[in-house]
Amino acid sequence: MFYLEEQGLCYVLSGGTGFVLCFIWRSRVCVMFYLEEQGLCYVLAGGTGFVLGFIWRNRVCVMFYLEEQGLSSVLSGRAGFVLCFILRNRVCVMFYLEEQGLCCVLAGGTGFVLCFIWRNSVCVMFYQEEHGLCYVLSGGAGFVLYFIWRNWVCVMFYLEELGLCYVLSGGAGFVLCFIRRNRVCVMFYLEEQGLSSVLSGGTGFVLCFIWRNRVCVMFYLEEQGLCCVLSGGTGFVLCFIWRNRVCVMFYLEEQGLCCVLSGGTGFVLCFIRRNRVCVMFYLEEQGLCYVLSGGAGFVLCFIWRSRVCVVFYL
């Protein structure tokens, strides 16, 4: 029984389970509720807003008042719920999970990222000023989520083998490699190129890009694993085996980036580097050789495909 100047006299009878009564008193929101476990409670809330969570009839109840939205009441089953709203110009997230109970998170205007497990799935919730509020459910296989937060590149991913990871990277760039669904994944961010994701089969791949004014080469081969090579601005030569073929990759300031595939028999490659003549050749009998020659000249003779080969520079 209660009396308010604005509303007169009221009388409420409630069964043994409980009740919740909400009203306005002296320009303040009042909530009165009775629960068998908790007894009788009386809550006064200022004009800004409040959030109240409790258990009623074996269900999770959330009651909240916000000046912009009025008063709301949400009934949720035992499984769980996620409730997002604005309170005092801050983003609020309230969620209930059977394993974790009831949580309330306040986030500033910049943004936040919240990760948890719900119904054996990985859940990711994040708020950003540019994007608003997002909610992602991912199955057991895995996912990759990338976004911008406080002028930083953020990468979040979940893989069955690795669990949940969170990576912050500076503005310069980063390279992230991992395995997903028995495939090699490469994700990298560069200021000039933006964010890219590459899926590669089990055999191998080669990825070349520019990072901090240096040439980067990343490649994965079943026999050799994953490698990353940094080279100065002048140039480099990289040789490896891929699908039983000899691969030669080189970068020269004058010529750019080249990649050459050669059969098992052999090949000869000649180019200019630092005003010197370079000769690279592969023969089954002799392996891989690399020759630097001065400006005067040279003569090179060898056998290739049962023929006599002569290479010379004058």
Protein backbone atom coordinates (compact mmCIF):
# COMPACT_ATOMS: atom_id res chain seq x y z
CA MET A 1 0.00 0.00 0.00
CA PHE A 2 1.39 3.36 -0.89
CA TYR A 3 0.23 6.94 -1.34
CA LEU A 4 1.63 9.51 -3.74
CA GLU A 5 0.42 13.09 -4.10
CA GLU A 6 0.04 12.77 -7.82
CA GLN A 7 -1.62 9.34 -7.94
CA GLY A 8 -3.65 8.91 -4.77
CA LEU A 9 -3.88 5.65 -2.81
CA CYS A 10 -2.99 2.29 -4.29
CA TYR A 11 -3.14 -1.23 -2.91
CA VAL A 12 -1.36 -4.19 -4.49
CA LEU A 13 -1.71 -7.86 -3.64
CA SER A 14 0.82 -10.26 -5.11
CA GLY A 15 1.22 -14.01 -4.94
CA GLY A 16 4.12 -15.73 -3.29
CA THR A 17 6.28 -15.55 -6.40
CA GLY A 18 6.89 -11.83 -6.43
CA PHE A 19 5.95 -8.56 -8.06
CA VAL A 20 7.54 -5.48 -9.55
CA LEU A 21 5.96 -2.03 -9.25
CA CYS A 22 7.29 1.06 -11.06
CA PHE A 23 6.04 4.63 -10.65
CA ILE A 24 7.12 8.28 -10.69
CA TRP A 25 7.56 10.14 -7.40
CA ARG A 26 8.87 13.71 -7.10
CA SER A 27 10.19 13.58 -10.67
CA ARG A 28 12.19 10.48 -9.83
CA VAL A 29 11.69 6.95 -11.04
CA CYS A 30 10.78 4.55 -8.23
CA VAL A 31 10.91 0.78 -8.44
CA MET A 32 9.52 -1.48 -5.72
CA PHE A 33 9.70 -5.24 -6.01
CA TYR A 34 9.28 -8.28 -3.82
CA LEU A 35 10.99 -11.58 -4.45
CA GLU A 36 10.83 -14.60 -2.17
CA GLU A 37 14.58 -14.86 -2.02
CA GLN A 38 15.30 -11.15 -1.54
CA GLY A 39 12.37 -9.68 0.42
CA LEU A 40 11.05 -6.17 -0.20
CA CYS A 41 13.23 -3.55 -1.84
CA TYR A 42 12.70 0.09 -2.66
CA VAL A 43 14.87 1.90 -5.19
CA LEU A 44 15.00 5.59 -6.01
CA ALA A 45 16.68 6.54 -9.28
CA GLY A 46 17.66 9.95 -10.56
CA GLY A 47 16.37 11.43 -13.74
CA THR A 48 19.32 10.17 -15.77
CA GLY A 49 18.50 6.49 -15.73
CA PHE A 50 19.09 3.17 -14.04
CA VAL A 51 19.43 -0.49 -14.82
CA LEU A 52 18.02 -3.21 -12.58
CA GLY A 53 18.53 -6.93 -13.14
CA PHE A 54 17.04 -9.75 -11.12
CA ILE A 55 15.52 -13.25 -11.30
CA TRP A 56 11.73 -13.64 -11.44
CA ARG A 57 9.86 -16.92 -12.00
CA ASN A 58 13.10 -18.64 -12.98
CA ARG A 59 13.63 -16.11 -15.72
CA VAL A 60 16.11 -13.29 -16.00
CA CYS A 61 14.47 -9.86 -15.80
CA VAL A 62 16.11 -6.60 -16.77
CA MET A 63 14.41 -3.29 -16.07
CA PHE A 64 15.93 0.01 -17.08
CA TYR A 65 14.85 3.60 -17.48
CA LEU A 66 16.51 6.10 -19.78
CA GLU A 67 15.35 9.65 -20.34
CA GLU A 68 15.30 9.19 -24.08
CA GLN A 69 13.59 5.80 -24.16
CA GLY A 70 11.30 5.61 -21.11
CA LEU A 71 10.87 2.48 -19.00
CA SER A 72 11.33 -0.99 -20.40
CA SER A 73 11.21 -4.47 -18.98
CA VAL A 74 12.73 -7.50 -20.67
CA LEU A 75 12.08 -11.12 -19.85
CA SER A 76 14.67 -13.59 -21.03
CA GLY A 77 14.96 -17.35 -20.83
CA ARG A 78 17.72 -19.13 -18.98
CA ALA A 79 19.89 -19.35 -22.08
CA GLY A 80 21.04 -15.75 -21.99
CA PHE A 81 20.54 -12.34 -23.46
CA VAL A 82 22.48 -9.29 -24.53
CA LEU A 83 21.10 -5.79 -23.98
CA CYS A 84 22.73 -2.64 -25.33
CA PHE A 85 21.69 0.93 -24.63
CA ILE A 86 22.98 4.47 -24.07
CA LEU A 87 23.38 5.80 -20.52
CA ARG A 88 24.95 9.19 -19.74
CA ASN A 89 26.39 9.44 -23.24
CA ARG A 90 28.17 6.14 -22.75
CA VAL A 91 27.49 2.83 -24.40
CA CYS A 92 26.25 0.19 -21.94
CA VAL A 93 26.19 -3.52 -22.57
CA MET A 94 24.43 -5.90 -20.19
CA PHE A 95 24.41 -9.61 -20.78
CA TYR A 96 23.52 -12.74 -18.88
CA LEU A 97 25.05 -16.11 -19.59
CA GLU A 98 24.38 -19.25 -17.62
CA GLU A 99 28.07 -19.83 -17.07
CA GLN A 100 29.00 -16.25 -16.20
CA GLY A 101 25.97 -14.64 -14.58
CA LEU A 102 24.94 -11.02 -15.11
CA CYS A 103 27.44 -8.42 -16.27
CA CYS A 104 27.20 -4.72 -17.04
CA VAL A 105 29.84 -2.89 -19.06
CA LEU A 106 30.19 0.85 -19.54
CA ALA A 107 32.22 2.01 -22.53
CA GLY A 108 33.39 5.46 -23.45
CA GLY A 109 32.59 7.15 -26.71
CA THR A 110 35.72 5.80 -28.37
CA GLY A 111 34.80 2.15 -28.55
CA PHE A 112 35.14 -1.22 -26.92
CA VAL A 113 35.37 -4.89 -27.80
CA LEU A 114 33.65 -7.60 -25.78
CA CYS A 115 34.19 -11.31 -26.40
CA PHE A 116 32.51 -14.23 -24.68
CA ILE A 117 31.18 -17.73 -25.25
CA TRP A 118 27.44 -18.27 -25.76
CA ARG A 119 25.85 -21.59 -26.69
CA ASN A 120 29.23 -23.05 -27.63
CA SER A 121 29.80 -20.26 -30.12
CA VAL A 122 32.26 -17.40 -29.94
CA CYS A 123 30.53 -14.04 -29.63
CA VAL A 124 32.16 -10.72 -30.40
CA MET A 125 30.47 -7.43 -29.64
CA PHE A 126 32.13 -4.13 -30.41
CA TYR A 127 31.19 -0.49 -30.65
CA GLN A 128 33.00 2.10 -32.71
CA GLU A 129 32.04 5.66 -33.39
CA GLU A 130 32.16 5.10 -37.13
CA HIS A 131 30.44 1.72 -37.25
CA GLY A 132 28.00 1.73 -34.33
CA LEU A 133 27.31 -1.45 -32.40
CA CYS A 134 27.87 -4.85 -33.97
CA TYR A 135 27.28 -8.38 -32.78
CA VAL A 136 28.94 -11.39 -34.37
CA LEU A 137 28.26 -15.06 -33.76
CA SER A 138 30.83 -17.49 -35.04
CA GLY A 139 30.77 -21.25 -35.24
CA GLY A 140 33.47 -23.55 -33.98
CA ALA A 141 35.46 -23.32 -37.19
CA GLY A 142 36.83 -19.83 -36.69
CA PHE A 143 36.56 -16.24 -37.77
CA VAL A 144 38.70 -13.17 -38.31
CA LEU A 145 37.52 -9.70 -37.35
CA TYR A 146 39.49 -6.55 -38.07
CA PHE A 147 38.63 -2.94 -37.40
CA ILE A 148 40.09 0.44 -36.49
CA TRP A 149 40.19 1.46 -32.81
CA ARG A 150 41.88 4.60 -31.51
CA ASN A 151 43.76 4.99 -34.79
CA TRP A 152 45.15 1.49 -34.37
CA VAL A 153 44.52 -1.51 -36.55
CA CYS A 154 42.92 -4.29 -34.50
CA VAL A 155 42.74 -7.92 -35.54
CA MET A 156 40.70 -10.42 -33.55
CA PHE A 157 40.44 -14.04 -34.58
CA TYR A 158 39.31 -17.33 -33.14
CA LEU A 159 40.66 -20.66 -34.31
CA GLU A 160 39.94 -24.04 -32.80
CA GLU A 161 43.63 -24.79 -32.45
CA LEU A 162 44.70 -21.41 -31.05
CA GLY A 163 41.69 -20.04 -29.18
CA LEU A 164 40.87 -16.34 -29.21
CA CYS A 165 43.56 -13.80 -29.98
CA TYR A 166 43.63 -10.02 -30.09
CA VAL A 167 46.33 -8.04 -31.87
CA LEU A 168 46.96 -4.30 -31.81
CA SER A 169 49.21 -2.87 -34.47
CA GLY A 170 50.68 0.57 -34.99
CA GLY A 171 49.99 2.69 -38.01
CA ALA A 172 53.03 1.40 -39.87
CA GLY A 173 51.71 -2.05 -40.68
CA PHE A 174 51.72 -5.67 -39.63
CA VAL A 175 51.64 -9.16 -41.07
CA LEU A 176 49.67 -11.97 -39.43
CA CYS A 177 49.83 -15.58 -40.56
CA PHE A 178 47.80 -18.47 -39.26
CA ILE A 179 46.12 -21.73 -40.26
CA ARG A 180 42.36 -21.87 -40.87
CA ARG A 181 40.50 -24.89 -42.20
CA ASN A 182 43.77 -26.53 -43.21
CA ARG A 183 44.65 -23.54 -45.35
CA VAL A 184 47.34 -20.94 -44.82
CA CYS A 185 45.93 -17.46 -44.19
CA VAL A 186 47.95 -14.28 -44.41
CA MET A 187 46.52 -10.97 -43.25
CA PHE A 188 48.52 -7.77 -43.48
CA TYR A 189 47.91 -4.07 -43.21
CA LEU A 190 50.09 -1.46 -44.89
CA GLU A 191 49.44 2.26 -44.86
CA GLU A 192 49.67 2.45 -48.64
CA GLN A 193 47.63 -0.64 -49.47
CA GLY A 194 45.04 -1.10 -46.72
CA LEU A 195 44.09 -4.48 -45.28
CA SER A 196 44.21 -7.71 -47.25
CA SER A 197 43.56 -11.35 -46.51
CA VAL A 198 44.95 -14.18 -48.58
CA LEU A 199 43.90 -17.82 -48.50
CA SER A 200 46.35 -20.32 -49.90
CA GLY A 201 46.15 -24.05 -50.46
CA GLY A 202 48.35 -26.52 -48.67
CA THR A 203 51.00 -26.46 -51.39
CA GLY A 204 52.40 -22.99 -50.89
CA PHE A 205 52.22 -19.36 -51.86
CA VAL A 206 54.46 -16.34 -52.33
CA LEU A 207 53.44 -12.87 -51.19
CA CYS A 208 55.46 -9.73 -51.98
CA PHE A 209 54.77 -6.22 -50.77
CA ILE A 210 56.42 -2.96 -49.72
CA TRP A 211 56.72 -2.15 -46.01
CA ARG A 212 58.55 0.85 -44.56
CA ASN A 213 60.25 1.48 -47.91
CA ARG A 214 61.65 -2.03 -47.88
CA VAL A 215 60.74 -4.97 -50.06
CA CYS A 216 59.13 -7.81 -48.09
CA VAL A 217 58.75 -11.34 -49.38
CA MET A 218 56.70 -13.89 -47.45
CA PHE A 219 56.25 -17.43 -48.67
CA TYR A 220 55.01 -20.72 -47.32
CA LEU A 221 56.16 -24.08 -48.62
CA GLU A 222 55.22 -27.44 -47.20
CA GLU A 223 58.85 -28.48 -46.93
CA GLN A 224 60.20 -25.22 -45.49
CA GLY A 225 57.39 -23.61 -43.49
CA LEU A 226 56.75 -19.88 -43.42
CA CYS A 227 59.49 -17.34 -44.07
CA CYS A 228 59.66 -13.57 -44.20
CA VAL A 229 62.52 -11.73 -45.90
CA LEU A 230 63.34 -8.04 -45.63
CA SER A 231 65.54 -6.54 -48.30
CA GLY A 232 67.11 -3.12 -48.67
CA GLY A 233 66.18 -0.71 -51.38
CA THR A 234 68.96 -1.88 -53.71
CA GLY A 235 67.71 -5.33 -54.60
CA PHE A 236 67.69 -8.99 -53.66
CA VAL A 237 67.46 -12.46 -55.20
CA LEU A 238 65.44 -15.25 -53.62
CA CYS A 239 65.47 -18.84 -54.85
CA PHE A 240 63.36 -21.72 -53.61
CA ILE A 241 61.57 -24.90 -54.70
CA TRP A 242 57.82 -24.85 -55.33
CA ARG A 243 55.81 -27.74 -56.79
CA ASN A 244 59.01 -29.49 -57.84
CA ARG A 245 60.06 -26.46 -59.85
CA VAL A 246 62.85 -23.99 -59.25
CA CYS A 247 61.55 -20.48 -58.50
CA VAL A 248 63.66 -17.35 -58.67
CA MET A 249 62.33 -14.05 -57.36
CA PHE A 250 64.39 -10.88 -57.50
CA TYR A 251 63.87 -7.18 -57.12
CA LEU A 252 66.04 -4.55 -58.76
CA GLU A 253 65.53 -0.80 -58.60
CA GLU A 254 65.69 -0.50 -62.38
CA GLN A 255 63.50 -3.48 -63.27
CA GLY A 256 60.98 -3.94 -60.46
CA LEU A 257 59.92 -7.33 -59.13
CA CYS A 258 60.13 -10.49 -61.23
CA CYS A 259 59.32 -14.13 -60.63
CA VAL A 260 60.64 -16.93 -62.86
CA LEU A 261 59.48 -20.54 -62.89
CA SER A 262 61.82 -23.08 -64.42
CA GLY A 263 61.51 -26.79 -65.12
CA GLY A 264 63.68 -29.40 -63.51
CA THR A 265 66.29 -29.31 -66.29
CA GLY A 266 67.82 -25.90 -65.67
CA PHE A 267 67.79 -22.24 -66.56
CA VAL A 268 70.11 -19.27 -67.00
CA LEU A 269 69.20 -15.80 -65.79
CA CYS A 270 71.31 -12.70 -66.49
CA PHE A 271 70.69 -9.22 -65.20
CA ILE A 272 72.44 -6.01 -64.12
CA ARG A 273 72.83 -5.09 -60.44
CA ARG A 274 74.90 -2.22 -59.09
CA ASN A 275 76.49 -1.69 -62.51
CA ARG A 276 77.73 -5.29 -62.50
CA VAL A 277 76.63 -8.19 -64.69
CA CYS A 278 74.97 -10.96 -62.69
CA VAL A 279 74.46 -14.50 -63.97
CA MET A 280 72.34 -17.06 -62.10
CA PHE A 281 71.89 -20.58 -63.42
CA TYR A 282 70.58 -23.93 -62.22
CA LEU A 283 71.66 -27.28 -63.65
CA GLU A 284 70.61 -30.67 -62.35
CA GLU A 285 74.21 -31.84 -62.11
CA GLN A 286 75.70 -28.69 -60.58
CA GLY A 287 73.00 -27.12 -58.42
CA LEU A 288 72.48 -23.37 -58.17
CA CYS A 289 75.28 -20.89 -58.83
CA TYR A 290 75.55 -17.14 -58.64
CA VAL A 291 78.26 -15.15 -60.45
CA LEU A 292 79.14 -11.48 -60.15
CA SER A 293 81.27 -10.03 -62.92
CA GLY A 294 82.99 -6.69 -63.31
CA GLY A 295 82.47 -4.31 -66.18
CA ALA A 296 85.22 -5.87 -68.34
CA GLY A 297 83.47 -9.08 -69.36
CA PHE A 298 83.26 -12.82 -68.83
CA VAL A 299 82.63 -16.06 -70.69
CA LEU A 300 80.58 -18.91 -69.20
CA CYS A 301 80.23 -22.37 -70.76
CA PHE A 302 78.08 -25.25 -69.58
CA ILE A 303 75.85 -28.09 -70.79
CA TRP A 304 72.08 -27.62 -70.89
CA ARG A 305 69.58 -30.04 -72.47
CA SER A 306 72.44 -32.00 -74.08
CA ARG A 307 73.63 -28.86 -75.79
CA VAL A 308 76.70 -26.72 -75.18
CA CYS A 309 75.75 -23.27 -73.94
CA VAL A 310 78.02 -20.24 -73.97
CA VAL A 311 77.09 -17.03 -72.16
CA PHE A 312 79.41 -14.07 -72.37
CA TYR A 313 79.33 -10.36 -71.71
CA LEU A 314 81.71 -7.86 -73.30
